[in-house]
Amino acid sequence: MAQEVTDATFEEVVLKSQVPVIVDFWAIWCGPCRMIGPVVEEIGQEYGEKAKVVKLDVDTNNGTAAKYGIRNIPTLLFFKNGEVVDKQVGVVPKAVLVKKLEALL
């Protein structure tokens, strides 16, 4: 299961990570977020120790969402060495996300 992060834990979990991280910015009321959620979970299980997959609820953690300019959800940001290196807005096939993640490994 993808780890939940908050404004308070974002720096420690995401920015200080030794492996690439996908951050899924989502909200409970967002239909497309519920569509891509299971795909994000699958990727998290498949990549185990090679990468982290985390979720951030934009309704309860709007500080981090604002910092990264999240205007539409779902938005997935790809981090490596504490920096945003790729971005995906909206629902896409799993293969698109895997390709972006593989490029960071």
N, C-alpha and C. Protein backbone atom coordinates (compact mmCIF):
# COMPACT_ATOMS: atom_id res chain seq x y z
N MET A 1 0.84 -1.19 0.00
CA MET A 1 0.00 0.00 0.00
C MET A 1 0.88 1.25 0.00
N ALA A 2 0.48 2.23 -0.77
CA ALA A 2 1.24 3.47 -0.83
C ALA A 2 1.16 4.18 0.52
N GLN A 3 2.28 4.73 0.93
CA GLN A 3 2.38 5.43 2.20
C GLN A 3 1.71 6.79 2.09
N GLU A 4 0.96 7.17 3.12
CA GLU A 4 0.38 8.50 3.17
C GLU A 4 1.43 9.46 3.71
N VAL A 5 1.59 10.61 3.06
CA VAL A 5 2.47 11.65 3.59
C VAL A 5 1.64 12.90 3.85
N THR A 6 2.17 13.75 4.71
CA THR A 6 1.50 14.99 5.07
C THR A 6 2.48 16.15 4.87
N ASP A 7 1.98 17.35 5.06
CA ASP A 7 2.87 18.51 5.01
C ASP A 7 4.03 18.32 5.99
N ALA A 8 3.74 17.74 7.16
CA ALA A 8 4.74 17.57 8.21
C ALA A 8 5.78 16.50 7.87
N THR A 9 5.39 15.45 7.14
CA THR A 9 6.32 14.34 6.88
C THR A 9 6.92 14.37 5.47
N PHE A 10 6.49 15.31 4.65
CA PHE A 10 6.90 15.34 3.25
C PHE A 10 8.42 15.43 3.08
N GLU A 11 9.04 16.33 3.80
CA GLU A 11 10.49 16.52 3.64
C GLU A 11 11.25 15.24 3.98
N GLU A 12 10.92 14.64 5.12
CA GLU A 12 11.63 13.44 5.56
C GLU A 12 11.40 12.26 4.61
N VAL A 13 10.16 12.03 4.22
CA VAL A 13 9.82 10.86 3.42
C VAL A 13 10.20 11.03 1.94
N VAL A 14 9.95 12.21 1.39
CA VAL A 14 10.14 12.42 -0.05
C VAL A 14 11.48 13.07 -0.37
N LEU A 15 11.73 14.23 0.20
CA LEU A 15 12.91 15.01 -0.20
C LEU A 15 14.22 14.38 0.26
N LYS A 16 14.20 13.64 1.36
CA LYS A 16 15.42 13.01 1.86
C LYS A 16 15.54 11.54 1.44
N SER A 17 14.67 11.08 0.57
CA SER A 17 14.69 9.68 0.15
C SER A 17 15.94 9.36 -0.65
N GLN A 18 16.47 8.17 -0.43
CA GLN A 18 17.64 7.69 -1.17
C GLN A 18 17.24 7.04 -2.50
N VAL A 19 15.95 6.81 -2.69
CA VAL A 19 15.44 6.19 -3.92
C VAL A 19 14.43 7.14 -4.56
N PRO A 20 14.15 6.98 -5.87
CA PRO A 20 13.14 7.82 -6.51
C PRO A 20 11.78 7.68 -5.82
N VAL A 21 11.00 8.76 -5.87
CA VAL A 21 9.68 8.77 -5.21
C VAL A 21 8.64 9.30 -6.19
N ILE A 22 7.51 8.60 -6.24
CA ILE A 22 6.33 9.13 -6.95
C ILE A 22 5.38 9.64 -5.88
N VAL A 23 4.97 10.89 -6.00
CA VAL A 23 3.99 11.46 -5.08
C VAL A 23 2.68 11.65 -5.85
N ASP A 24 1.64 10.97 -5.37
CA ASP A 24 0.30 11.06 -5.96
C ASP A 24 -0.47 12.11 -5.16
N PHE A 25 -0.69 13.28 -5.78
CA PHE A 25 -1.50 14.33 -5.17
C PHE A 25 -2.96 14.03 -5.53
N TRP A 26 -3.81 13.83 -4.52
CA TRP A 26 -5.17 13.36 -4.77
C TRP A 26 -6.13 13.94 -3.73
N ALA A 27 -7.41 13.64 -3.90
CA ALA A 27 -8.44 13.98 -2.90
C ALA A 27 -9.53 12.91 -2.96
N ILE A 28 -10.19 12.68 -1.85
CA ILE A 28 -11.19 11.63 -1.74
C ILE A 28 -12.36 11.83 -2.71
N TRP A 29 -12.72 13.07 -3.00
CA TRP A 29 -13.87 13.37 -3.85
C TRP A 29 -13.55 13.32 -5.34
N CYS A 30 -12.30 13.08 -5.68
CA CYS A 30 -11.84 13.15 -7.08
C CYS A 30 -12.01 11.80 -7.78
N GLY A 31 -12.92 11.74 -8.74
CA GLY A 31 -13.16 10.51 -9.49
C GLY A 31 -11.93 9.99 -10.23
N PRO A 32 -11.26 10.82 -11.01
CA PRO A 32 -10.05 10.36 -11.71
C PRO A 32 -8.96 9.88 -10.73
N CYS A 33 -8.91 10.48 -9.53
CA CYS A 33 -7.94 10.03 -8.53
C CYS A 33 -8.23 8.60 -8.11
N ARG A 34 -9.52 8.28 -7.98
CA ARG A 34 -9.91 6.91 -7.61
C ARG A 34 -9.61 5.94 -8.75
N MET A 35 -9.62 6.43 -9.98
CA MET A 35 -9.30 5.57 -11.13
C MET A 35 -7.81 5.22 -11.16
N ILE A 36 -6.96 6.20 -10.90
CA ILE A 36 -5.51 5.95 -10.99
C ILE A 36 -4.94 5.38 -9.68
N GLY A 37 -5.67 5.51 -8.59
CA GLY A 37 -5.21 5.02 -7.30
C GLY A 37 -4.73 3.58 -7.30
N PRO A 38 -5.53 2.62 -7.83
CA PRO A 38 -5.08 1.23 -7.84
C PRO A 38 -3.81 1.01 -8.67
N VAL A 39 -3.64 1.77 -9.73
CA VAL A 39 -2.44 1.67 -10.56
C VAL A 39 -1.23 2.13 -9.76
N VAL A 40 -1.38 3.22 -9.04
CA VAL A 40 -0.30 3.75 -8.21
C VAL A 40 0.08 2.72 -7.13
N GLU A 41 -0.94 2.10 -6.53
CA GLU A 41 -0.70 1.07 -5.51
C GLU A 41 0.09 -0.11 -6.11
N GLU A 42 -0.30 -0.55 -7.30
CA GLU A 42 0.38 -1.65 -7.97
C GLU A 42 1.85 -1.35 -8.19
N ILE A 43 2.12 -0.15 -8.67
CA ILE A 43 3.51 0.25 -8.93
C ILE A 43 4.30 0.23 -7.62
N GLY A 44 3.69 0.71 -6.55
CA GLY A 44 4.35 0.71 -5.26
C GLY A 44 4.71 -0.69 -4.81
N GLN A 45 3.81 -1.65 -5.02
CA GLN A 45 4.08 -3.03 -4.64
C GLN A 45 5.16 -3.64 -5.53
N GLU A 46 5.11 -3.37 -6.81
CA GLU A 46 6.05 -3.97 -7.76
C GLU A 46 7.47 -3.46 -7.58
N TYR A 47 7.63 -2.19 -7.19
CA TYR A 47 8.96 -1.62 -7.10
C TYR A 47 9.55 -1.70 -5.70
N GLY A 48 8.76 -2.07 -4.73
CA GLY A 48 9.25 -2.33 -3.38
C GLY A 48 10.34 -1.40 -2.89
N GLU A 49 11.56 -1.92 -2.77
CA GLU A 49 12.69 -1.16 -2.21
C GLU A 49 13.37 -0.25 -3.23
N LYS A 50 13.09 -0.44 -4.53
CA LYS A 50 13.77 0.34 -5.58
C LYS A 50 13.23 1.76 -5.70
N ALA A 51 11.98 1.96 -5.26
CA ALA A 51 11.35 3.28 -5.35
C ALA A 51 10.25 3.37 -4.30
N LYS A 52 9.88 4.60 -3.95
CA LYS A 52 8.77 4.82 -3.02
C LYS A 52 7.59 5.37 -3.81
N VAL A 53 6.40 4.97 -3.38
CA VAL A 53 5.18 5.54 -3.93
C VAL A 53 4.37 6.03 -2.74
N VAL A 54 4.08 7.33 -2.73
CA VAL A 54 3.35 7.92 -1.61
C VAL A 54 2.17 8.73 -2.12
N LYS A 55 1.21 8.94 -1.23
CA LYS A 55 0.02 9.71 -1.57
C LYS A 55 -0.09 10.90 -0.63
N LEU A 56 -0.51 12.05 -1.18
CA LEU A 56 -0.70 13.24 -0.39
C LEU A 56 -2.09 13.80 -0.67
N ASP A 57 -2.94 13.85 0.34
CA ASP A 57 -4.30 14.38 0.22
C ASP A 57 -4.22 15.91 0.18
N VAL A 58 -4.61 16.48 -0.95
CA VAL A 58 -4.47 17.93 -1.13
C VAL A 58 -5.43 18.73 -0.26
N ASP A 59 -6.53 18.11 0.17
CA ASP A 59 -7.48 18.83 1.02
C ASP A 59 -6.94 19.06 2.42
N THR A 60 -6.18 18.12 2.93
CA THR A 60 -5.67 18.24 4.30
C THR A 60 -4.20 18.66 4.36
N ASN A 61 -3.55 18.74 3.19
CA ASN A 61 -2.13 19.10 3.13
C ASN A 61 -1.89 20.12 2.02
N ASN A 62 -2.63 21.22 2.09
CA ASN A 62 -2.57 22.18 0.99
C ASN A 62 -1.28 22.99 0.94
N GLY A 63 -0.48 22.96 2.01
CA GLY A 63 0.79 23.68 1.98
C GLY A 63 1.75 23.08 0.97
N THR A 64 1.89 21.77 0.99
CA THR A 64 2.78 21.09 0.04
C THR A 64 2.23 21.19 -1.37
N ALA A 65 0.92 21.02 -1.51
CA ALA A 65 0.29 21.12 -2.83
C ALA A 65 0.53 22.52 -3.43
N ALA A 66 0.39 23.54 -2.61
CA ALA A 66 0.61 24.92 -3.08
C ALA A 66 2.08 25.14 -3.45
N LYS A 67 2.98 24.61 -2.63
CA LYS A 67 4.42 24.78 -2.89
C LYS A 67 4.81 24.25 -4.26
N TYR A 68 4.19 23.14 -4.66
CA TYR A 68 4.52 22.52 -5.95
C TYR A 68 3.55 22.90 -7.06
N GLY A 69 2.69 23.87 -6.81
CA GLY A 69 1.81 24.40 -7.85
C GLY A 69 0.77 23.41 -8.36
N ILE A 70 0.28 22.56 -7.48
CA ILE A 70 -0.71 21.56 -7.89
C ILE A 70 -2.05 22.25 -8.06
N ARG A 71 -2.53 22.29 -9.31
CA ARG A 71 -3.80 22.93 -9.62
C ARG A 71 -4.86 21.93 -10.07
N ASN A 72 -4.43 20.83 -10.62
CA ASN A 72 -5.34 19.78 -11.07
C ASN A 72 -4.93 18.47 -10.43
N ILE A 73 -5.93 17.64 -10.12
CA ILE A 73 -5.62 16.32 -9.58
C ILE A 73 -6.36 15.27 -10.38
N PRO A 74 -5.84 14.08 -10.50
CA PRO A 74 -4.58 13.66 -9.90
C PRO A 74 -3.37 14.25 -10.63
N THR A 75 -2.37 14.61 -9.85
CA THR A 75 -1.06 14.98 -10.37
C THR A 75 -0.04 14.09 -9.68
N LEU A 76 0.84 13.50 -10.47
CA LEU A 76 1.91 12.69 -9.92
C LEU A 76 3.23 13.40 -10.20
N LEU A 77 3.98 13.66 -9.14
CA LEU A 77 5.31 14.25 -9.29
C LEU A 77 6.34 13.16 -9.02
N PHE A 78 7.38 13.15 -9.83
CA PHE A 78 8.46 12.18 -9.71
C PHE A 78 9.67 12.90 -9.14
N PHE A 79 10.15 12.45 -7.99
CA PHE A 79 11.29 13.06 -7.31
C PHE A 79 12.50 12.15 -7.38
N LYS A 80 13.67 12.77 -7.56
CA LYS A 80 14.93 12.06 -7.43
C LYS A 80 15.91 13.01 -6.76
N ASN A 81 16.57 12.54 -5.72
CA ASN A 81 17.51 13.37 -4.95
C ASN A 81 16.87 14.67 -4.47
N GLY A 82 15.60 14.59 -4.06
CA GLY A 82 14.91 15.74 -3.49
C GLY A 82 14.40 16.76 -4.49
N GLU A 83 14.53 16.47 -5.78
CA GLU A 83 14.11 17.41 -6.82
C GLU A 83 13.01 16.81 -7.69
N VAL A 84 12.07 17.65 -8.15
CA VAL A 84 11.06 17.19 -9.10
C VAL A 84 11.74 17.01 -10.45
N VAL A 85 11.67 15.81 -11.00
CA VAL A 85 12.31 15.53 -12.27
C VAL A 85 11.32 15.17 -13.37
N ASP A 86 10.06 14.91 -13.00
CA ASP A 86 9.03 14.60 -14.00
C ASP A 86 7.67 14.83 -13.37
N LYS A 87 6.65 14.90 -14.24
CA LYS A 87 5.30 15.21 -13.78
C LYS A 87 4.29 14.55 -14.70
N GLN A 88 3.17 14.11 -14.13
CA GLN A 88 2.08 13.58 -14.94
C GLN A 88 0.78 14.10 -14.34
N VAL A 89 -0.03 14.76 -15.17
CA VAL A 89 -1.32 15.26 -14.72
C VAL A 89 -2.41 14.43 -15.41
N GLY A 90 -3.36 13.98 -14.61
CA GLY A 90 -4.48 13.22 -15.15
C GLY A 90 -4.22 11.72 -15.18
N VAL A 91 -5.24 11.01 -15.62
CA VAL A 91 -5.19 9.55 -15.66
C VAL A 91 -4.49 9.10 -16.94
N VAL A 92 -3.53 8.21 -16.79
CA VAL A 92 -2.81 7.64 -17.94
C VAL A 92 -2.64 6.14 -17.69
N PRO A 93 -2.34 5.38 -18.74
CA PRO A 93 -2.08 3.95 -18.55
C PRO A 93 -0.87 3.71 -17.64
N LYS A 94 -0.88 2.58 -16.97
CA LYS A 94 0.20 2.20 -16.07
C LYS A 94 1.56 2.26 -16.77
N ALA A 95 1.61 1.84 -18.03
CA ALA A 95 2.87 1.80 -18.77
C ALA A 95 3.54 3.18 -18.84
N VAL A 96 2.76 4.23 -18.91
CA VAL A 96 3.31 5.60 -18.97
C VAL A 96 4.04 5.92 -17.67
N LEU A 97 3.42 5.58 -16.55
CA LEU A 97 4.03 5.85 -15.25
C LEU A 97 5.27 4.99 -15.03
N VAL A 98 5.19 3.72 -15.42
CA VAL A 98 6.33 2.82 -15.26
C VAL A 98 7.52 3.32 -16.08
N LYS A 99 7.25 3.78 -17.29
CA LYS A 99 8.34 4.28 -18.15
C LYS A 99 9.03 5.48 -17.49
N LYS A 100 8.24 6.38 -16.94
CA LYS A 100 8.81 7.56 -16.26
C LYS A 100 9.64 7.14 -15.05
N LEU A 101 9.13 6.17 -14.28
CA LEU A 101 9.85 5.71 -13.11
C LEU A 101 11.12 4.97 -13.49
N GLU A 102 11.04 4.12 -14.49
CA GLU A 102 12.21 3.36 -14.94
C GLU A 102 13.35 4.29 -15.35
N ALA A 103 13.00 5.44 -15.92
CA ALA A 103 14.02 6.40 -16.36
C ALA A 103 14.81 6.96 -15.16
N LEU A 104 14.25 6.85 -13.96
CA LEU A 104 14.91 7.40 -12.76
C LEU A 104 15.73 6.37 -12.00
N LEU A 105 15.60 5.12 -12.36
CA LEU A 105 16.29 4.05 -11.61
C LEU A 105 17.71 3.84 -12.11
